[in-house]
Amino acid sequence: MQMLYNSDSFVVVQFDGATATDGTPAAHPHPGVAARGGFEIVDKFARKEIFLQGALADRFQQGVQALVQDSPGGVNPETLDDYIAGFTVMALMPQSPLTLH
């Protein structure tokens, strides 16, 4: 698990599909889902989270890489937040709200 991005609006954490130190599959943030790796995006204002894996996670990663490549001086945080917001629309569907500790 590695935090990739933290702004006033979003947190993005990457989960590797690697194995734990004892050789068993790595722990997954969502029980019952295979540890394939992916990205967890937390929308701080909406208090919702979404976990991207598989093709959707690949698309997310490719989009971020394209933003970075197109911005040699560094990606504008507002641009990155706008891109991430496009993926968090799925988190607005009814589900349990995120509880902050």
N, C-alpha and C. Protein backbone atom coordinates (compact mmCIF):
# COMPACT_ATOMS: atom_id res chain seq x y z
N MET A 1 0.85 -1.16 0.00
CA MET A 1 0.00 0.00 0.00
C MET A 1 0.90 1.23 0.00
N GLN A 2 0.57 2.19 -0.88
CA GLN A 2 1.36 3.40 -0.99
C GLN A 2 0.45 4.57 -1.31
N MET A 3 0.54 5.64 -0.50
CA MET A 3 -0.24 6.83 -0.79
C MET A 3 0.42 7.55 -1.95
N LEU A 4 -0.36 7.79 -3.01
CA LEU A 4 0.16 8.44 -4.21
C LEU A 4 -0.18 9.91 -4.28
N TYR A 5 -1.32 10.29 -3.70
CA TYR A 5 -1.79 11.66 -3.87
C TYR A 5 -2.66 12.02 -2.68
N ASN A 6 -2.49 13.25 -2.20
CA ASN A 6 -3.30 13.74 -1.08
C ASN A 6 -3.51 15.23 -1.28
N SER A 7 -4.75 15.61 -1.58
CA SER A 7 -5.09 17.02 -1.75
C SER A 7 -6.21 17.37 -0.77
N ASP A 8 -6.71 18.59 -0.86
CA ASP A 8 -7.83 18.98 -0.01
C ASP A 8 -9.09 18.19 -0.36
N SER A 9 -9.16 17.66 -1.59
CA SER A 9 -10.36 16.97 -2.07
C SER A 9 -10.25 15.46 -2.08
N PHE A 10 -9.07 14.91 -2.39
CA PHE A 10 -8.94 13.48 -2.63
C PHE A 10 -7.69 12.89 -1.99
N VAL A 11 -7.78 11.60 -1.72
CA VAL A 11 -6.62 10.78 -1.37
C VAL A 11 -6.63 9.60 -2.33
N VAL A 12 -5.47 9.29 -2.91
CA VAL A 12 -5.35 8.13 -3.80
C VAL A 12 -4.27 7.23 -3.21
N VAL A 13 -4.65 5.97 -2.98
CA VAL A 13 -3.73 4.97 -2.43
C VAL A 13 -3.65 3.82 -3.42
N GLN A 14 -2.42 3.36 -3.67
CA GLN A 14 -2.22 2.22 -4.56
C GLN A 14 -2.01 0.97 -3.73
N PHE A 15 -2.72 -0.09 -4.09
CA PHE A 15 -2.56 -1.40 -3.46
C PHE A 15 -1.93 -2.32 -4.48
N ASP A 16 -0.80 -2.89 -4.13
CA ASP A 16 -0.13 -3.84 -5.01
C ASP A 16 -0.79 -5.19 -4.87
N GLY A 17 -0.80 -5.96 -5.93
CA GLY A 17 -1.34 -7.31 -5.90
C GLY A 17 -0.30 -8.32 -5.46
N ALA A 18 0.73 -7.86 -4.79
CA ALA A 18 1.83 -8.71 -4.37
C ALA A 18 1.42 -9.62 -3.21
N THR A 19 2.33 -10.50 -2.86
CA THR A 19 2.08 -11.38 -1.74
C THR A 19 2.66 -10.79 -0.47
N ALA A 20 2.13 -11.23 0.65
CA ALA A 20 2.63 -10.79 1.95
C ALA A 20 3.98 -11.45 2.21
N THR A 21 4.63 -11.03 3.28
CA THR A 21 5.97 -11.54 3.58
C THR A 21 5.98 -13.04 3.84
N ASP A 22 4.85 -13.62 4.26
CA ASP A 22 4.81 -15.06 4.51
C ASP A 22 4.42 -15.85 3.26
N GLY A 23 4.29 -15.18 2.10
CA GLY A 23 3.98 -15.86 0.85
C GLY A 23 2.50 -15.99 0.55
N THR A 24 1.64 -15.58 1.47
CA THR A 24 0.19 -15.64 1.23
C THR A 24 -0.23 -14.39 0.47
N PRO A 25 -1.43 -14.41 -0.16
CA PRO A 25 -1.88 -13.22 -0.87
C PRO A 25 -1.95 -12.03 0.09
N ALA A 26 -1.60 -10.87 -0.42
CA ALA A 26 -1.61 -9.65 0.39
C ALA A 26 -3.03 -9.33 0.83
N ALA A 27 -3.15 -8.67 1.98
CA ALA A 27 -4.45 -8.25 2.50
C ALA A 27 -5.08 -7.26 1.52
N HIS A 28 -6.37 -7.33 1.38
CA HIS A 28 -7.10 -6.47 0.46
C HIS A 28 -8.03 -5.58 1.27
N PRO A 29 -8.23 -4.33 0.88
CA PRO A 29 -9.08 -3.44 1.66
C PRO A 29 -10.55 -3.84 1.66
N HIS A 30 -10.95 -4.70 0.72
CA HIS A 30 -12.34 -5.12 0.64
C HIS A 30 -12.39 -6.64 0.77
N PRO A 31 -12.89 -7.16 1.89
CA PRO A 31 -12.94 -8.62 2.09
C PRO A 31 -13.70 -9.32 0.97
N GLY A 32 -13.21 -10.49 0.58
CA GLY A 32 -13.88 -11.26 -0.44
C GLY A 32 -13.43 -10.93 -1.85
N VAL A 33 -12.57 -9.93 -2.02
CA VAL A 33 -12.06 -9.56 -3.33
C VAL A 33 -10.60 -10.00 -3.41
N ALA A 34 -10.25 -10.66 -4.49
CA ALA A 34 -8.88 -11.14 -4.66
C ALA A 34 -7.91 -9.97 -4.68
N ALA A 35 -6.73 -10.19 -4.14
CA ALA A 35 -5.71 -9.14 -4.08
C ALA A 35 -5.02 -9.01 -5.43
N ARG A 36 -5.64 -8.27 -6.34
CA ARG A 36 -5.10 -8.07 -7.68
C ARG A 36 -4.39 -6.74 -7.80
N GLY A 37 -4.49 -5.94 -6.81
CA GLY A 37 -3.93 -4.60 -6.88
C GLY A 37 -4.96 -3.63 -7.44
N GLY A 38 -4.72 -2.37 -7.21
CA GLY A 38 -5.63 -1.35 -7.70
C GLY A 38 -5.41 -0.05 -6.96
N PHE A 39 -6.40 0.83 -7.09
CA PHE A 39 -6.32 2.16 -6.49
C PHE A 39 -7.57 2.42 -5.68
N GLU A 40 -7.38 2.92 -4.48
CA GLU A 40 -8.50 3.38 -3.66
C GLU A 40 -8.50 4.89 -3.72
N ILE A 41 -9.65 5.46 -4.08
CA ILE A 41 -9.81 6.90 -4.14
C ILE A 41 -10.83 7.31 -3.09
N VAL A 42 -10.43 8.23 -2.23
CA VAL A 42 -11.33 8.74 -1.20
C VAL A 42 -11.66 10.18 -1.54
N ASP A 43 -12.96 10.45 -1.67
CA ASP A 43 -13.45 11.81 -1.89
C ASP A 43 -13.73 12.39 -0.51
N LYS A 44 -12.91 13.31 -0.07
CA LYS A 44 -13.00 13.85 1.29
C LYS A 44 -14.28 14.63 1.53
N PHE A 45 -14.76 15.37 0.52
CA PHE A 45 -15.95 16.17 0.71
C PHE A 45 -17.22 15.33 0.71
N ALA A 46 -17.29 14.36 -0.17
CA ALA A 46 -18.47 13.49 -0.24
C ALA A 46 -18.42 12.39 0.80
N ARG A 47 -17.23 12.19 1.41
CA ARG A 47 -17.02 11.13 2.41
C ARG A 47 -17.37 9.77 1.81
N LYS A 48 -16.87 9.54 0.60
CA LYS A 48 -17.09 8.28 -0.11
C LYS A 48 -15.75 7.78 -0.63
N GLU A 49 -15.69 6.47 -0.86
CA GLU A 49 -14.48 5.89 -1.43
C GLU A 49 -14.86 4.91 -2.52
N ILE A 50 -13.92 4.70 -3.42
CA ILE A 50 -14.12 3.73 -4.48
C ILE A 50 -12.80 3.01 -4.70
N PHE A 51 -12.89 1.72 -5.03
CA PHE A 51 -11.69 0.93 -5.30
C PHE A 51 -11.71 0.55 -6.77
N LEU A 52 -10.66 0.93 -7.48
CA LEU A 52 -10.53 0.62 -8.90
C LEU A 52 -9.56 -0.54 -9.07
N GLN A 53 -9.96 -1.53 -9.84
CA GLN A 53 -9.05 -2.64 -10.13
C GLN A 53 -9.27 -3.09 -11.57
N GLY A 54 -8.37 -3.91 -12.05
CA GLY A 54 -8.48 -4.45 -13.40
C GLY A 54 -8.34 -3.37 -14.45
N ALA A 55 -9.16 -3.46 -15.49
CA ALA A 55 -9.08 -2.55 -16.64
C ALA A 55 -9.33 -1.09 -16.24
N LEU A 56 -10.23 -0.88 -15.29
CA LEU A 56 -10.52 0.49 -14.86
C LEU A 56 -9.32 1.09 -14.13
N ALA A 57 -8.64 0.29 -13.32
CA ALA A 57 -7.42 0.76 -12.65
C ALA A 57 -6.33 1.07 -13.67
N ASP A 58 -6.21 0.24 -14.69
CA ASP A 58 -5.23 0.48 -15.74
C ASP A 58 -5.53 1.79 -16.47
N ARG A 59 -6.80 2.03 -16.76
CA ARG A 59 -7.19 3.26 -17.44
C ARG A 59 -6.90 4.48 -16.58
N PHE A 60 -7.18 4.37 -15.27
CA PHE A 60 -6.88 5.45 -14.35
C PHE A 60 -5.38 5.76 -14.34
N GLN A 61 -4.57 4.72 -14.22
CA GLN A 61 -3.12 4.89 -14.16
C GLN A 61 -2.58 5.50 -15.46
N GLN A 62 -3.07 5.02 -16.59
CA GLN A 62 -2.62 5.55 -17.88
C GLN A 62 -2.99 7.03 -18.04
N GLY A 63 -4.16 7.40 -17.55
CA GLY A 63 -4.59 8.79 -17.62
C GLY A 63 -3.72 9.70 -16.77
N VAL A 64 -3.37 9.23 -15.57
CA VAL A 64 -2.49 10.02 -14.70
C VAL A 64 -1.12 10.15 -15.33
N GLN A 65 -0.60 9.06 -15.89
CA GLN A 65 0.70 9.11 -16.55
C GLN A 65 0.69 10.08 -17.73
N ALA A 66 -0.40 10.12 -18.48
CA ALA A 66 -0.52 11.04 -19.60
C ALA A 66 -0.53 12.49 -19.10
N LEU A 67 -1.23 12.75 -18.01
CA LEU A 67 -1.22 14.11 -17.44
C LEU A 67 0.18 14.53 -17.03
N VAL A 68 0.91 13.61 -16.42
CA VAL A 68 2.28 13.91 -15.98
C VAL A 68 3.18 14.17 -17.18
N GLN A 69 3.06 13.36 -18.22
CA GLN A 69 3.89 13.53 -19.42
C GLN A 69 3.59 14.84 -20.14
N ASP A 70 2.32 15.26 -20.11
CA ASP A 70 1.92 16.49 -20.80
C ASP A 70 2.24 17.74 -19.99
N SER A 71 2.73 17.56 -18.77
CA SER A 71 3.02 18.69 -17.88
C SER A 71 4.45 18.60 -17.37
N PRO A 72 5.42 18.97 -18.18
CA PRO A 72 6.82 18.83 -17.76
C PRO A 72 7.16 19.63 -16.51
N GLY A 73 6.46 20.71 -16.23
CA GLY A 73 6.71 21.51 -15.03
C GLY A 73 5.97 20.99 -13.81
N GLY A 74 5.24 19.92 -13.97
CA GLY A 74 4.45 19.36 -12.87
C GLY A 74 2.97 19.54 -13.14
N VAL A 75 2.21 18.56 -12.70
CA VAL A 75 0.76 18.58 -12.92
C VAL A 75 0.11 19.58 -11.97
N ASN A 76 -0.75 20.40 -12.50
CA ASN A 76 -1.53 21.34 -11.70
C ASN A 76 -2.48 20.53 -10.81
N PRO A 77 -2.50 20.77 -9.49
CA PRO A 77 -3.39 20.00 -8.61
C PRO A 77 -4.87 20.08 -9.01
N GLU A 78 -5.31 21.22 -9.52
CA GLU A 78 -6.71 21.33 -9.94
C GLU A 78 -7.00 20.42 -11.13
N THR A 79 -6.05 20.30 -12.03
CA THR A 79 -6.21 19.41 -13.19
C THR A 79 -6.29 17.97 -12.73
N LEU A 80 -5.43 17.59 -11.80
CA LEU A 80 -5.43 16.23 -11.29
C LEU A 80 -6.72 15.95 -10.51
N ASP A 81 -7.17 16.90 -9.71
CA ASP A 81 -8.43 16.73 -8.99
C ASP A 81 -9.60 16.55 -9.94
N ASP A 82 -9.62 17.33 -11.03
CA ASP A 82 -10.69 17.20 -12.02
C ASP A 82 -10.68 15.81 -12.66
N TYR A 83 -9.48 15.30 -12.96
CA TYR A 83 -9.37 13.97 -13.55
C TYR A 83 -9.87 12.91 -12.56
N ILE A 84 -9.45 13.00 -11.32
CA ILE A 84 -9.87 12.03 -10.30
C ILE A 84 -11.38 12.10 -10.09
N ALA A 85 -11.94 13.30 -10.11
CA ALA A 85 -13.38 13.47 -9.91
C ALA A 85 -14.19 12.69 -10.94
N GLY A 86 -13.64 12.53 -12.15
CA GLY A 86 -14.33 11.76 -13.17
C GLY A 86 -14.51 10.30 -12.79
N PHE A 87 -13.64 9.78 -11.95
CA PHE A 87 -13.74 8.39 -11.49
C PHE A 87 -14.58 8.27 -10.23
N THR A 88 -14.67 9.33 -9.45
CA THR A 88 -15.41 9.24 -8.19
C THR A 88 -16.93 9.33 -8.38
N VAL A 89 -17.37 9.61 -9.59
CA VAL A 89 -18.81 9.65 -9.86
C VAL A 89 -19.44 8.31 -9.47
N MET A 90 -18.70 7.22 -9.67
CA MET A 90 -19.21 5.90 -9.31
C MET A 90 -19.42 5.76 -7.81
N ALA A 91 -18.67 6.50 -7.03
CA ALA A 91 -18.79 6.42 -5.58
C ALA A 91 -20.03 7.14 -5.07
N LEU A 92 -20.67 7.93 -5.92
CA LEU A 92 -21.86 8.66 -5.50
C LEU A 92 -23.10 7.79 -5.48
N MET A 93 -22.99 6.58 -6.01
CA MET A 93 -24.11 5.66 -5.94
C MET A 93 -24.34 5.28 -4.48
N PRO A 94 -25.58 4.99 -4.09
CA PRO A 94 -25.87 4.71 -2.69
C PRO A 94 -24.99 3.59 -2.12
N GLN A 95 -24.38 3.89 -1.00
CA GLN A 95 -23.58 2.93 -0.26
C GLN A 95 -23.33 3.53 1.12
N SER A 96 -22.65 2.81 1.94
CA SER A 96 -22.37 3.28 3.28
C SER A 96 -21.39 4.45 3.24
N PRO A 97 -21.64 5.50 4.04
CA PRO A 97 -20.71 6.63 4.03
C PRO A 97 -19.39 6.26 4.71
N LEU A 98 -18.36 6.96 4.33
CA LEU A 98 -17.04 6.75 4.90
C LEU A 98 -17.01 7.40 6.28
N THR A 99 -16.49 6.69 7.26
CA THR A 99 -16.36 7.21 8.61
C THR A 99 -14.91 7.53 8.86
N LEU A 100 -14.63 8.78 9.19
CA LEU A 100 -13.26 9.18 9.47
C LEU A 100 -12.97 8.95 10.95
N HIS A 101 -11.76 8.46 11.21
CA HIS A 101 -11.36 8.19 12.60
C HIS A 101 -10.49 9.29 13.11
